[in-house]
Amino acid sequence: MEQNKKKYVTYGNCCPGTPGAKKDITTCNFMLAPMTDRFVDVILEGLKKVDTSRVCTKTDRMGTTYRGRRDDVIDAVEACFIHAWQRDVHMTMEMTLTRGCPGDSDCDFKLSDLTGKANAAGIRDIHFLADCRWSLYPLGTNQYMKGIADVVNYSIDLGLYRETGHAGTILRGDVQDLFAYFRWVFQWCEQKFSHFVMEISWSVNSPTPEE
């Protein structure tokens, strides 16, 4: 009977507002979806071109996870998306960025203390138009709508904003400008919220005509 006993999860002494990870850890879960018969090659080639020496990585049937310092994690996922891009292939990417989860844990990985971006040189000259729908979820605060409005208004100032859609904001622009904006948003949120989540849906080369 003991061997058939169900193993329920427990989150111990998790406390709202107190990150479970004691290190300065950012987590990104993402999944690439190239609309081509060569999707396996496109995904694997994109992953292989990324310098992941500064992040903890895991890939399974649900996608890939990068963990580490904020700048290293965003640099790595940006490089993966850009390296996977092909001029004639419609591709999407679902991406979740999070920091400060009370149920989080430290990874068995030494955080890099190097400055600069490991992948910057390999992607800085690659530019293409991208669309995305994104949502910000600040947790543990009653003033979350003010924070969301502040970061959305900054996207208007940058010329990236297109419209407010259902459960998210629609942006369009050069892929490098969009990632720079999300990097800024993440850093801004670190100063305002103890726990927050960003959900970003990317699309490039969509056959759907722009409205």
N, C-alpha and C. Protein backbone atom coordinates (compact mmCIF):
# COMPACT_ATOMS: atom_id res chain seq x y z
N MET A 1 0.82 -1.21 0.00
CA MET A 1 0.00 0.00 0.00
C MET A 1 0.85 1.26 0.00
N GLU A 2 1.98 1.19 0.72
CA GLU A 2 2.83 2.36 0.85
C GLU A 2 3.36 2.81 -0.51
N GLN A 3 3.65 1.84 -1.40
CA GLN A 3 4.21 2.19 -2.70
C GLN A 3 3.19 2.86 -3.61
N ASN A 4 1.90 2.70 -3.31
CA ASN A 4 0.85 3.33 -4.11
C ASN A 4 0.38 4.66 -3.52
N LYS A 5 1.00 5.07 -2.44
CA LYS A 5 0.60 6.32 -1.79
C LYS A 5 0.91 7.51 -2.69
N LYS A 6 -0.05 8.39 -2.83
CA LYS A 6 0.14 9.57 -3.68
C LYS A 6 1.11 10.55 -3.04
N LYS A 7 1.94 11.15 -3.87
CA LYS A 7 2.91 12.14 -3.39
C LYS A 7 2.39 13.54 -3.71
N TYR A 8 1.79 14.17 -2.72
CA TYR A 8 1.27 15.53 -2.91
C TYR A 8 2.39 16.55 -2.75
N VAL A 9 2.21 17.69 -3.42
CA VAL A 9 3.23 18.73 -3.33
C VAL A 9 3.09 19.48 -2.02
N THR A 10 4.17 20.08 -1.58
CA THR A 10 4.15 20.97 -0.43
C THR A 10 5.10 22.12 -0.70
N TYR A 11 4.69 23.31 -0.32
CA TYR A 11 5.53 24.48 -0.54
C TYR A 11 6.10 25.00 0.78
N GLY A 12 6.13 24.14 1.77
CA GLY A 12 6.80 24.45 3.03
C GLY A 12 6.33 25.73 3.67
N ASN A 13 7.28 26.59 3.97
CA ASN A 13 6.98 27.86 4.65
C ASN A 13 6.99 29.04 3.69
N CYS A 14 6.49 28.82 2.47
CA CYS A 14 6.45 29.91 1.50
C CYS A 14 5.66 31.08 2.06
N CYS A 15 6.18 32.27 1.88
CA CYS A 15 5.53 33.47 2.40
C CYS A 15 5.45 34.52 1.30
N PRO A 16 4.23 35.05 0.99
CA PRO A 16 4.10 36.09 -0.02
C PRO A 16 5.05 37.25 0.27
N GLY A 17 5.73 37.71 -0.77
CA GLY A 17 6.65 38.83 -0.62
C GLY A 17 8.06 38.40 -0.30
N THR A 18 8.25 37.09 -0.04
CA THR A 18 9.59 36.58 0.27
C THR A 18 9.99 35.56 -0.79
N PRO A 19 10.92 35.91 -1.68
CA PRO A 19 11.34 34.98 -2.74
C PRO A 19 11.88 33.68 -2.17
N GLY A 20 11.52 32.56 -2.80
CA GLY A 20 12.02 31.28 -2.35
C GLY A 20 13.49 31.10 -2.64
N ALA A 21 13.95 31.71 -3.74
CA ALA A 21 15.37 31.66 -4.09
C ALA A 21 16.11 32.78 -3.38
N LYS A 22 17.19 32.46 -2.74
CA LYS A 22 17.97 33.46 -2.01
C LYS A 22 18.94 34.19 -2.92
N LYS A 23 19.27 33.56 -4.04
CA LYS A 23 20.14 34.21 -5.01
C LYS A 23 19.31 35.13 -5.91
N ASP A 24 19.97 35.99 -6.65
CA ASP A 24 19.29 36.93 -7.55
C ASP A 24 18.95 36.20 -8.85
N ILE A 25 17.91 35.35 -8.80
CA ILE A 25 17.61 34.47 -9.92
C ILE A 25 16.39 34.92 -10.71
N THR A 26 16.55 34.96 -12.02
CA THR A 26 15.46 35.18 -12.97
C THR A 26 15.23 33.87 -13.72
N THR A 27 13.97 33.54 -13.97
CA THR A 27 13.63 32.32 -14.70
C THR A 27 12.87 32.66 -15.97
N CYS A 28 13.21 32.01 -17.07
CA CYS A 28 12.48 32.15 -18.32
C CYS A 28 12.15 30.78 -18.87
N ASN A 29 10.87 30.51 -19.07
CA ASN A 29 10.41 29.31 -19.76
C ASN A 29 9.94 29.73 -21.15
N PHE A 30 10.38 29.04 -22.19
CA PHE A 30 9.94 29.43 -23.53
C PHE A 30 9.82 28.22 -24.45
N MET A 31 8.99 28.39 -25.48
CA MET A 31 8.77 27.34 -26.46
C MET A 31 8.70 27.95 -27.85
N LEU A 32 9.59 27.52 -28.74
CA LEU A 32 9.60 27.96 -30.13
C LEU A 32 8.67 27.10 -30.96
N ALA A 33 7.99 27.72 -31.92
CA ALA A 33 7.09 26.97 -32.80
C ALA A 33 7.24 27.47 -34.24
N PRO A 34 8.22 26.96 -34.98
CA PRO A 34 8.37 27.32 -36.39
C PRO A 34 7.34 26.57 -37.24
N MET A 35 6.64 27.28 -38.12
CA MET A 35 5.61 26.66 -38.96
C MET A 35 6.24 26.13 -40.25
N THR A 36 7.00 25.05 -40.11
CA THR A 36 7.69 24.46 -41.25
C THR A 36 7.92 22.99 -40.97
N ASP A 37 8.04 22.19 -42.04
CA ASP A 37 8.34 20.77 -41.87
C ASP A 37 9.70 20.56 -41.22
N ARG A 38 10.54 21.58 -41.27
CA ARG A 38 11.89 21.50 -40.70
C ARG A 38 11.92 22.03 -39.27
N PHE A 39 10.80 22.00 -38.58
CA PHE A 39 10.71 22.65 -37.27
C PHE A 39 11.74 22.12 -36.27
N VAL A 40 12.01 20.82 -36.32
CA VAL A 40 12.99 20.26 -35.38
C VAL A 40 14.36 20.87 -35.61
N ASP A 41 14.78 20.93 -36.87
CA ASP A 41 16.09 21.50 -37.20
C ASP A 41 16.16 22.98 -36.83
N VAL A 42 15.09 23.72 -37.11
CA VAL A 42 15.07 25.15 -36.82
C VAL A 42 15.23 25.39 -35.31
N ILE A 43 14.49 24.63 -34.51
CA ILE A 43 14.56 24.79 -33.06
C ILE A 43 15.94 24.41 -32.53
N LEU A 44 16.44 23.25 -32.94
CA LEU A 44 17.72 22.78 -32.42
C LEU A 44 18.88 23.67 -32.87
N GLU A 45 18.82 24.16 -34.12
CA GLU A 45 19.88 25.04 -34.61
C GLU A 45 19.88 26.35 -33.82
N GLY A 46 18.68 26.86 -33.52
CA GLY A 46 18.60 28.08 -32.73
C GLY A 46 19.18 27.89 -31.34
N LEU A 47 18.85 26.77 -30.71
CA LEU A 47 19.36 26.49 -29.36
C LEU A 47 20.88 26.32 -29.35
N LYS A 48 21.40 25.63 -30.37
CA LYS A 48 22.84 25.33 -30.39
C LYS A 48 23.69 26.58 -30.58
N LYS A 49 23.14 27.61 -31.21
CA LYS A 49 23.92 28.82 -31.49
C LYS A 49 24.02 29.75 -30.28
N VAL A 50 23.28 29.44 -29.23
CA VAL A 50 23.26 30.31 -28.05
C VAL A 50 24.41 29.97 -27.10
N ASP A 51 25.09 31.00 -26.63
CA ASP A 51 26.09 30.82 -25.58
C ASP A 51 25.34 30.77 -24.25
N THR A 52 25.23 29.58 -23.68
CA THR A 52 24.49 29.40 -22.43
C THR A 52 25.42 29.19 -21.24
N SER A 53 26.66 29.62 -21.38
CA SER A 53 27.64 29.40 -20.32
C SER A 53 27.31 30.16 -19.03
N ARG A 54 26.43 31.18 -19.14
CA ARG A 54 26.12 31.99 -17.96
C ARG A 54 24.75 31.68 -17.36
N VAL A 55 24.05 30.69 -17.92
CA VAL A 55 22.72 30.36 -17.41
C VAL A 55 22.60 28.86 -17.17
N CYS A 56 21.70 28.50 -16.28
CA CYS A 56 21.35 27.10 -16.04
C CYS A 56 20.27 26.74 -17.05
N THR A 57 20.42 25.65 -17.78
CA THR A 57 19.49 25.31 -18.85
C THR A 57 18.85 23.94 -18.66
N LYS A 58 17.62 23.83 -19.16
CA LYS A 58 16.93 22.55 -19.18
C LYS A 58 15.95 22.57 -20.35
N THR A 59 15.99 21.54 -21.18
CA THR A 59 15.06 21.41 -22.30
C THR A 59 14.33 20.08 -22.18
N ASP A 60 12.99 20.13 -22.30
CA ASP A 60 12.19 18.91 -22.27
C ASP A 60 11.07 19.06 -23.29
N ARG A 61 10.08 18.20 -23.24
CA ARG A 61 9.02 18.22 -24.25
C ARG A 61 8.12 19.45 -24.13
N MET A 62 8.22 20.18 -23.03
CA MET A 62 7.41 21.39 -22.85
C MET A 62 8.15 22.66 -23.23
N GLY A 63 9.43 22.54 -23.62
CA GLY A 63 10.17 23.72 -24.01
C GLY A 63 11.52 23.79 -23.31
N THR A 64 12.03 25.00 -23.18
CA THR A 64 13.35 25.22 -22.58
C THR A 64 13.25 26.22 -21.44
N THR A 65 14.04 26.00 -20.40
CA THR A 65 14.10 26.90 -19.26
C THR A 65 15.53 27.41 -19.10
N TYR A 66 15.65 28.73 -18.97
CA TYR A 66 16.93 29.36 -18.64
C TYR A 66 16.78 30.00 -17.27
N ARG A 67 17.78 29.83 -16.40
CA ARG A 67 17.78 30.47 -15.08
C ARG A 67 19.14 31.08 -14.82
N GLY A 68 19.13 32.23 -14.16
CA GLY A 68 20.38 32.90 -13.84
C GLY A 68 20.12 34.37 -13.56
N ARG A 69 21.12 35.20 -13.76
CA ARG A 69 20.95 36.64 -13.59
C ARG A 69 20.04 37.18 -14.69
N ARG A 70 19.32 38.25 -14.36
CA ARG A 70 18.36 38.82 -15.30
C ARG A 70 18.96 39.07 -16.69
N ASP A 71 20.05 39.81 -16.76
CA ASP A 71 20.62 40.17 -18.05
C ASP A 71 21.11 38.95 -18.82
N ASP A 72 21.65 37.97 -18.13
CA ASP A 72 22.14 36.76 -18.79
C ASP A 72 20.99 35.93 -19.36
N VAL A 73 19.90 35.83 -18.61
CA VAL A 73 18.75 35.05 -19.05
C VAL A 73 18.08 35.70 -20.26
N ILE A 74 17.82 37.00 -20.20
CA ILE A 74 17.16 37.68 -21.31
C ILE A 74 18.07 37.68 -22.54
N ASP A 75 19.36 37.84 -22.33
CA ASP A 75 20.32 37.78 -23.44
C ASP A 75 20.25 36.42 -24.14
N ALA A 76 20.16 35.35 -23.37
CA ALA A 76 20.16 34.00 -23.94
C ALA A 76 18.88 33.71 -24.72
N VAL A 77 17.73 34.07 -24.17
CA VAL A 77 16.48 33.77 -24.88
C VAL A 77 16.33 34.66 -26.10
N GLU A 78 16.81 35.90 -26.02
CA GLU A 78 16.80 36.77 -27.20
C GLU A 78 17.65 36.16 -28.31
N ALA A 79 18.83 35.67 -27.96
CA ALA A 79 19.71 35.06 -28.95
C ALA A 79 19.07 33.83 -29.58
N CYS A 80 18.40 33.03 -28.79
CA CYS A 80 17.75 31.83 -29.32
C CYS A 80 16.67 32.19 -30.33
N PHE A 81 15.84 33.17 -29.99
CA PHE A 81 14.76 33.58 -30.89
C PHE A 81 15.33 34.15 -32.18
N ILE A 82 16.34 35.00 -32.07
CA ILE A 82 16.94 35.63 -33.25
C ILE A 82 17.66 34.60 -34.12
N HIS A 83 18.38 33.68 -33.51
CA HIS A 83 19.09 32.65 -34.29
C HIS A 83 18.11 31.68 -34.96
N ALA A 84 16.96 31.45 -34.35
CA ALA A 84 15.97 30.53 -34.94
C ALA A 84 15.19 31.18 -36.08
N TRP A 85 15.16 32.51 -36.11
CA TRP A 85 14.42 33.24 -37.15
C TRP A 85 14.95 32.92 -38.54
N GLN A 86 14.02 32.72 -39.47
CA GLN A 86 14.36 32.56 -40.88
C GLN A 86 13.42 33.43 -41.69
N ARG A 87 13.95 34.02 -42.74
CA ARG A 87 13.22 35.05 -43.49
C ARG A 87 11.87 34.58 -44.03
N ASP A 88 11.76 33.32 -44.42
CA ASP A 88 10.55 32.83 -45.07
C ASP A 88 9.73 31.88 -44.19
N VAL A 89 9.99 31.88 -42.89
CA VAL A 89 9.28 30.94 -42.00
C VAL A 89 8.47 31.71 -40.96
N HIS A 90 7.18 31.40 -40.90
CA HIS A 90 6.33 31.94 -39.83
C HIS A 90 6.68 31.19 -38.54
N MET A 91 7.01 31.94 -37.51
CA MET A 91 7.41 31.32 -36.24
C MET A 91 6.80 32.09 -35.08
N THR A 92 6.43 31.36 -34.05
CA THR A 92 5.96 31.98 -32.81
C THR A 92 6.82 31.50 -31.65
N MET A 93 6.76 32.24 -30.57
CA MET A 93 7.43 31.81 -29.34
C MET A 93 6.59 32.24 -28.15
N GLU A 94 6.32 31.30 -27.26
CA GLU A 94 5.66 31.60 -26.00
C GLU A 94 6.74 31.71 -24.92
N MET A 95 6.71 32.79 -24.16
CA MET A 95 7.81 33.08 -23.24
C MET A 95 7.26 33.58 -21.92
N THR A 96 7.71 33.01 -20.83
CA THR A 96 7.32 33.44 -19.49
C THR A 96 8.56 33.82 -18.70
N LEU A 97 8.60 35.06 -18.23
CA LEU A 97 9.69 35.55 -17.38
C LEU A 97 9.14 35.76 -15.98
N THR A 98 9.89 35.33 -14.97
CA THR A 98 9.40 35.49 -13.61
C THR A 98 10.55 35.73 -12.65
N ARG A 99 10.23 36.43 -11.58
CA ARG A 99 11.21 36.68 -10.53
C ARG A 99 10.49 36.84 -9.19
N GLY A 100 11.07 36.27 -8.14
CA GLY A 100 10.57 36.48 -6.79
C GLY A 100 9.51 35.52 -6.31
N CYS A 101 9.29 34.41 -7.03
CA CYS A 101 8.25 33.47 -6.61
C CYS A 101 8.58 32.88 -5.24
N PRO A 102 7.63 32.91 -4.29
CA PRO A 102 7.87 32.32 -2.96
C PRO A 102 8.16 30.82 -3.02
N GLY A 103 7.67 30.16 -4.06
CA GLY A 103 7.90 28.72 -4.20
C GLY A 103 9.14 28.38 -5.01
N ASP A 104 9.91 29.39 -5.38
CA ASP A 104 11.11 29.17 -6.18
C ASP A 104 12.22 28.56 -5.31
N SER A 105 13.27 28.11 -5.96
CA SER A 105 14.41 27.54 -5.23
C SER A 105 15.69 27.93 -5.94
N ASP A 106 16.78 27.91 -5.20
CA ASP A 106 18.08 28.20 -5.80
C ASP A 106 18.51 27.03 -6.68
N CYS A 107 19.07 27.35 -7.85
CA CYS A 107 19.55 26.28 -8.72
C CYS A 107 20.99 25.93 -8.35
N ASP A 108 21.36 24.71 -8.65
CA ASP A 108 22.72 24.24 -8.35
C ASP A 108 23.64 24.74 -9.46
N PHE A 109 23.84 26.05 -9.48
CA PHE A 109 24.57 26.69 -10.56
C PHE A 109 25.16 27.98 -10.05
N LYS A 110 26.43 28.20 -10.29
CA LYS A 110 27.08 29.42 -9.83
C LYS A 110 26.73 30.56 -10.77
N LEU A 111 26.07 31.59 -10.24
CA LEU A 111 25.69 32.73 -11.06
C LEU A 111 26.94 33.43 -11.58
N SER A 112 26.88 33.82 -12.84
CA SER A 112 28.02 34.49 -13.45
C SER A 112 28.24 35.87 -12.85
N ASP A 113 29.49 36.25 -12.71
CA ASP A 113 29.80 37.61 -12.25
C ASP A 113 30.45 38.42 -13.38
N LEU A 114 30.34 37.91 -14.61
CA LEU A 114 30.89 38.60 -15.77
C LEU A 114 29.96 39.72 -16.21
N THR A 115 30.52 40.78 -16.74
CA THR A 115 29.73 41.89 -17.24
C THR A 115 29.52 41.74 -18.75
N GLY A 116 28.61 42.55 -19.30
CA GLY A 116 28.33 42.47 -20.72
C GLY A 116 27.41 41.31 -21.05
N LYS A 117 27.06 41.18 -22.33
CA LYS A 117 26.14 40.14 -22.79
C LYS A 117 26.90 39.10 -23.60
N ALA A 118 26.76 37.86 -23.22
CA ALA A 118 27.51 36.78 -23.86
C ALA A 118 27.19 36.63 -25.34
N ASN A 119 25.94 36.95 -25.73
CA ASN A 119 25.50 36.71 -27.11
C ASN A 119 25.38 37.97 -27.96
N ALA A 120 25.72 39.11 -27.41
CA ALA A 120 25.50 40.39 -28.10
C ALA A 120 26.19 40.45 -29.45
N ALA A 121 27.45 40.05 -29.51
CA ALA A 121 28.21 40.17 -30.76
C ALA A 121 27.61 39.34 -31.88
N GLY A 122 27.01 38.20 -31.54
CA GLY A 122 26.48 37.30 -32.56
C GLY A 122 25.13 37.69 -33.11
N ILE A 123 24.43 38.62 -32.45
CA ILE A 123 23.07 38.96 -32.90
C ILE A 123 22.87 40.45 -33.17
N ARG A 124 23.85 41.28 -32.86
CA ARG A 124 23.62 42.73 -32.92
C ARG A 124 23.28 43.23 -34.32
N ASP A 125 23.72 42.52 -35.37
CA ASP A 125 23.47 42.97 -36.74
C ASP A 125 22.27 42.28 -37.38
N ILE A 126 21.52 41.51 -36.61
CA ILE A 126 20.34 40.81 -37.15
C ILE A 126 19.09 41.57 -36.73
N HIS A 127 18.37 42.08 -37.71
CA HIS A 127 17.18 42.87 -37.43
C HIS A 127 16.00 42.35 -38.26
N PHE A 128 14.84 42.26 -37.65
CA PHE A 128 13.62 41.91 -38.37
C PHE A 128 12.42 42.38 -37.56
N LEU A 129 11.29 42.53 -38.24
CA LEU A 129 10.07 43.01 -37.61
C LEU A 129 9.40 41.88 -36.84
N ALA A 130 8.92 42.19 -35.65
CA ALA A 130 8.24 41.19 -34.82
C ALA A 130 7.00 41.79 -34.19
N ASP A 131 6.00 40.95 -34.01
CA ASP A 131 4.78 41.32 -33.29
C ASP A 131 4.75 40.54 -31.98
N CYS A 132 4.16 41.13 -30.96
CA CYS A 132 4.00 40.38 -29.72
C CYS A 132 2.81 40.90 -28.92
N ARG A 133 2.23 39.98 -28.19
CA ARG A 133 1.20 40.30 -27.21
C ARG A 133 1.79 39.97 -25.84
N TRP A 134 1.75 40.93 -24.93
CA TRP A 134 2.37 40.66 -23.65
C TRP A 134 1.50 41.14 -22.50
N SER A 135 1.70 40.49 -21.36
CA SER A 135 0.95 40.82 -20.15
C SER A 135 1.91 40.83 -18.97
N LEU A 136 1.69 41.77 -18.06
CA LEU A 136 2.49 41.88 -16.84
C LEU A 136 1.61 41.58 -15.64
N TYR A 137 2.09 40.73 -14.74
CA TYR A 137 1.34 40.35 -13.55
C TYR A 137 2.17 40.64 -12.29
N PRO A 138 2.05 41.85 -11.73
CA PRO A 138 2.69 42.14 -10.45
C PRO A 138 1.89 41.47 -9.34
N LEU A 139 2.56 40.78 -8.44
CA LEU A 139 1.87 40.05 -7.37
C LEU A 139 2.24 40.61 -6.01
N GLY A 140 1.32 40.48 -5.07
CA GLY A 140 1.59 40.96 -3.71
C GLY A 140 1.47 42.45 -3.54
N THR A 141 0.69 43.11 -4.40
CA THR A 141 0.50 44.55 -4.30
C THR A 141 -0.90 44.93 -4.75
N ASN A 142 -1.44 45.99 -4.16
CA ASN A 142 -2.76 46.47 -4.56
C ASN A 142 -2.67 47.55 -5.63
N GLN A 143 -1.46 47.98 -5.96
CA GLN A 143 -1.27 49.06 -6.92
C GLN A 143 -0.78 48.55 -8.28
N TYR A 144 -1.19 47.35 -8.63
CA TYR A 144 -0.63 46.74 -9.83
C TYR A 144 -1.05 47.43 -11.12
N MET A 145 -2.27 47.97 -11.20
CA MET A 145 -2.72 48.60 -12.45
C MET A 145 -1.93 49.86 -12.76
N LYS A 146 -1.53 50.60 -11.73
CA LYS A 146 -0.70 51.79 -11.94
C LYS A 146 0.65 51.39 -12.52
N GLY A 147 1.23 50.32 -12.01
CA GLY A 147 2.51 49.85 -12.53
C GLY A 147 2.41 49.39 -13.97
N ILE A 148 1.33 48.66 -14.29
CA ILE A 148 1.13 48.20 -15.66
C ILE A 148 0.98 49.38 -16.60
N ALA A 149 0.20 50.38 -16.19
CA ALA A 149 0.00 51.57 -17.02
C ALA A 149 1.32 52.29 -17.27
N ASP A 150 2.17 52.38 -16.26
CA ASP A 150 3.45 53.07 -16.41
C ASP A 150 4.32 52.42 -17.48
N VAL A 151 4.41 51.11 -17.46
CA VAL A 151 5.29 50.45 -18.43
C VAL A 151 4.67 50.43 -19.83
N VAL A 152 3.35 50.34 -19.91
CA VAL A 152 2.69 50.41 -21.22
C VAL A 152 2.88 51.79 -21.83
N ASN A 153 2.76 52.82 -21.01
CA ASN A 153 2.96 54.19 -21.51
C ASN A 153 4.37 54.40 -22.03
N TYR A 154 5.34 53.72 -21.44
CA TYR A 154 6.71 53.84 -21.94
C TYR A 154 6.83 53.20 -23.32
N SER A 155 6.09 52.13 -23.57
CA SER A 155 6.11 51.53 -24.91
C SER A 155 5.50 52.48 -25.94
N ILE A 156 4.54 53.31 -25.51
CA ILE A 156 3.98 54.33 -26.39
C ILE A 156 5.05 55.37 -26.72
N ASP A 157 5.80 55.79 -25.71
CA ASP A 157 6.88 56.76 -25.92
C ASP A 157 7.92 56.23 -26.90
N LEU A 158 8.16 54.93 -26.88
CA LEU A 158 9.17 54.32 -27.75
C LEU A 158 8.65 54.03 -29.15
N GLY A 159 7.34 54.18 -29.37
CA GLY A 159 6.77 53.90 -30.68
C GLY A 159 6.54 52.43 -30.95
N LEU A 160 6.50 51.61 -29.91
CA LEU A 160 6.30 50.17 -30.06
C LEU A 160 4.84 49.75 -29.88
N TYR A 161 4.07 50.58 -29.22
CA TYR A 161 2.68 50.24 -28.87
C TYR A 161 1.78 50.24 -30.10
N ARG A 162 0.91 49.23 -30.22
CA ARG A 162 -0.08 49.19 -31.29
C ARG A 162 -1.50 49.31 -30.74
N GLU A 163 -1.82 48.51 -29.75
CA GLU A 163 -3.16 48.57 -29.18
C GLU A 163 -3.21 47.74 -27.90
N THR A 164 -4.26 47.98 -27.12
CA THR A 164 -4.53 47.14 -25.96
C THR A 164 -5.51 46.06 -26.39
N GLY A 165 -5.12 44.82 -26.26
CA GLY A 165 -5.96 43.72 -26.68
C GLY A 165 -6.55 43.00 -25.48
N HIS A 166 -7.19 41.86 -25.74
CA HIS A 166 -7.78 41.08 -24.65
C HIS A 166 -6.65 40.46 -23.82
N ALA A 167 -6.63 40.79 -22.55
CA ALA A 167 -5.66 40.23 -21.60
C ALA A 167 -4.21 40.51 -21.99
N GLY A 168 -3.99 41.65 -22.64
CA GLY A 168 -2.61 41.97 -22.98
C GLY A 168 -2.48 43.20 -23.85
N THR A 169 -1.25 43.57 -24.12
CA THR A 169 -0.92 44.73 -24.93
C THR A 169 -0.19 44.27 -26.18
N ILE A 170 -0.58 44.82 -27.33
CA ILE A 170 0.02 44.46 -28.61
C ILE A 170 1.14 45.44 -28.94
N LEU A 171 2.32 44.90 -29.22
CA LEU A 171 3.47 45.71 -29.61
C LEU A 171 3.98 45.25 -30.97
N ARG A 172 4.64 46.17 -31.67
CA ARG A 172 5.27 45.81 -32.94
C ARG A 172 6.51 46.65 -33.14
N GLY A 173 7.59 46.02 -33.60
CA GLY A 173 8.81 46.77 -33.86
C GLY A 173 9.97 45.86 -34.17
N ASP A 174 11.15 46.45 -34.29
CA ASP A 174 12.36 45.67 -34.50
C ASP A 174 12.59 44.76 -33.30
N VAL A 175 12.97 43.53 -33.57
CA VAL A 175 13.12 42.55 -32.49
C VAL A 175 14.11 43.03 -31.42
N GLN A 176 15.16 43.73 -31.84
CA GLN A 176 16.14 44.22 -30.87
C GLN A 176 15.53 45.29 -29.96
N ASP A 177 14.69 46.16 -30.54
CA ASP A 177 14.04 47.20 -29.75
C ASP A 177 13.04 46.61 -28.77
N LEU A 178 12.33 45.56 -29.19
CA LEU A 178 11.35 44.93 -28.31
C LEU A 178 12.03 44.25 -27.13
N PHE A 179 13.10 43.53 -27.38
CA PHE A 179 13.81 42.88 -26.27
C PHE A 179 14.44 43.91 -25.34
N ALA A 180 14.93 45.02 -25.90
CA ALA A 180 15.48 46.09 -25.06
C ALA A 180 14.39 46.66 -24.16
N TYR A 181 13.19 46.80 -24.71
CA TYR A 181 12.06 47.30 -23.92
C TYR A 181 11.72 46.33 -22.79
N PHE A 182 11.63 45.04 -23.08
CA PHE A 182 11.29 44.07 -22.05
C PHE A 182 12.38 43.96 -20.99
N ARG A 183 13.61 44.16 -21.39
CA ARG A 183 14.70 44.19 -20.42
C ARG A 183 14.52 45.37 -19.46
N TRP A 184 14.13 46.52 -20.03
CA TRP A 184 13.87 47.70 -19.20
C TRP A 184 12.70 47.45 -18.27
N VAL A 185 11.61 46.87 -18.78
CA VAL A 185 10.43 46.58 -17.95
C VAL A 185 10.80 45.68 -16.79
N PHE A 186 11.56 44.64 -17.07
CA PHE A 186 11.93 43.69 -16.03
C PHE A 186 12.74 44.37 -14.94
N GLN A 187 13.70 45.18 -15.35
CA GLN A 187 14.52 45.90 -14.38
C GLN A 187 13.69 46.88 -13.57
N TRP A 188 12.74 47.55 -14.22
CA TRP A 188 11.85 48.50 -13.54
C TRP A 188 11.00 47.76 -12.51
N CYS A 189 10.48 46.60 -12.89
CA CYS A 189 9.63 45.82 -11.98
C CYS A 189 10.40 45.32 -10.77
N GLU A 190 11.68 45.02 -10.95
CA GLU A 190 12.49 44.57 -9.82
C GLU A 190 12.53 45.61 -8.70
N GLN A 191 12.45 46.88 -9.08
CA GLN A 191 12.50 47.96 -8.09
C GLN A 191 11.14 48.20 -7.43
N LYS A 192 10.06 47.69 -8.05
CA LYS A 192 8.71 48.00 -7.58
C LYS A 192 7.99 46.82 -6.92
N PHE A 193 8.26 45.61 -7.38
CA PHE A 193 7.47 44.45 -6.94
C PHE A 193 8.39 43.32 -6.47
N SER A 194 7.98 42.65 -5.40
CA SER A 194 8.78 41.54 -4.88
C SER A 194 8.61 40.28 -5.73
N HIS A 195 7.47 40.16 -6.41
CA HIS A 195 7.17 38.99 -7.23
C HIS A 195 6.35 39.44 -8.43
N PHE A 196 6.78 39.08 -9.62
CA PHE A 196 6.03 39.44 -10.82
C PHE A 196 6.30 38.43 -11.93
N VAL A 197 5.37 38.39 -12.88
CA VAL A 197 5.44 37.47 -14.02
C VAL A 197 5.16 38.25 -15.29
N MET A 198 5.90 37.97 -16.34
CA MET A 198 5.66 38.54 -17.67
C MET A 198 5.38 37.41 -18.65
N GLU A 199 4.26 37.50 -19.35
CA GLU A 199 3.91 36.53 -20.39
C GLU A 199 4.00 37.23 -21.74
N ILE A 200 4.79 36.68 -22.67
CA ILE A 200 4.99 37.31 -23.97
C ILE A 200 4.79 36.28 -25.07
N SER A 201 3.89 36.59 -26.01
CA SER A 201 3.67 35.74 -27.19
C SER A 201 4.24 36.46 -28.40
N TRP A 202 5.22 35.85 -29.04
CA TRP A 202 5.90 36.45 -30.19
C TRP A 202 5.40 35.85 -31.50
N SER A 203 5.46 36.65 -32.57
CA SER A 203 5.13 36.16 -33.90
C SER A 203 5.95 36.90 -34.94
N VAL A 204 6.54 36.14 -35.87
CA VAL A 204 7.27 36.75 -36.99
C VAL A 204 6.80 36.11 -38.29
N ASN A 205 6.82 36.90 -39.35
CA ASN A 205 6.46 36.43 -40.70
C ASN A 205 5.06 35.83 -40.76
N SER A 206 4.13 36.41 -40.03
CA SER A 206 2.76 35.88 -40.04
C SER A 206 2.11 36.09 -41.40
N PRO A 207 1.39 35.08 -41.92
CA PRO A 207 0.69 35.25 -43.20
C PRO A 207 -0.60 36.05 -43.06
N THR A 208 -1.02 36.30 -41.82
CA THR A 208 -2.25 37.07 -41.59
C THR A 208 -2.00 38.54 -41.91
N PRO A 209 -2.81 39.14 -42.79
CA PRO A 209 -2.61 40.55 -43.14
C PRO A 209 -2.85 41.46 -41.95
N GLU A 210 -2.08 42.54 -41.87
CA GLU A 210 -2.24 43.49 -40.78
C GLU A 210 -3.54 44.25 -40.95
N GLU A 211 -4.29 44.42 -39.85
CA GLU A 211 -5.56 45.14 -39.92
C GLU A 211 -5.32 46.64 -40.01
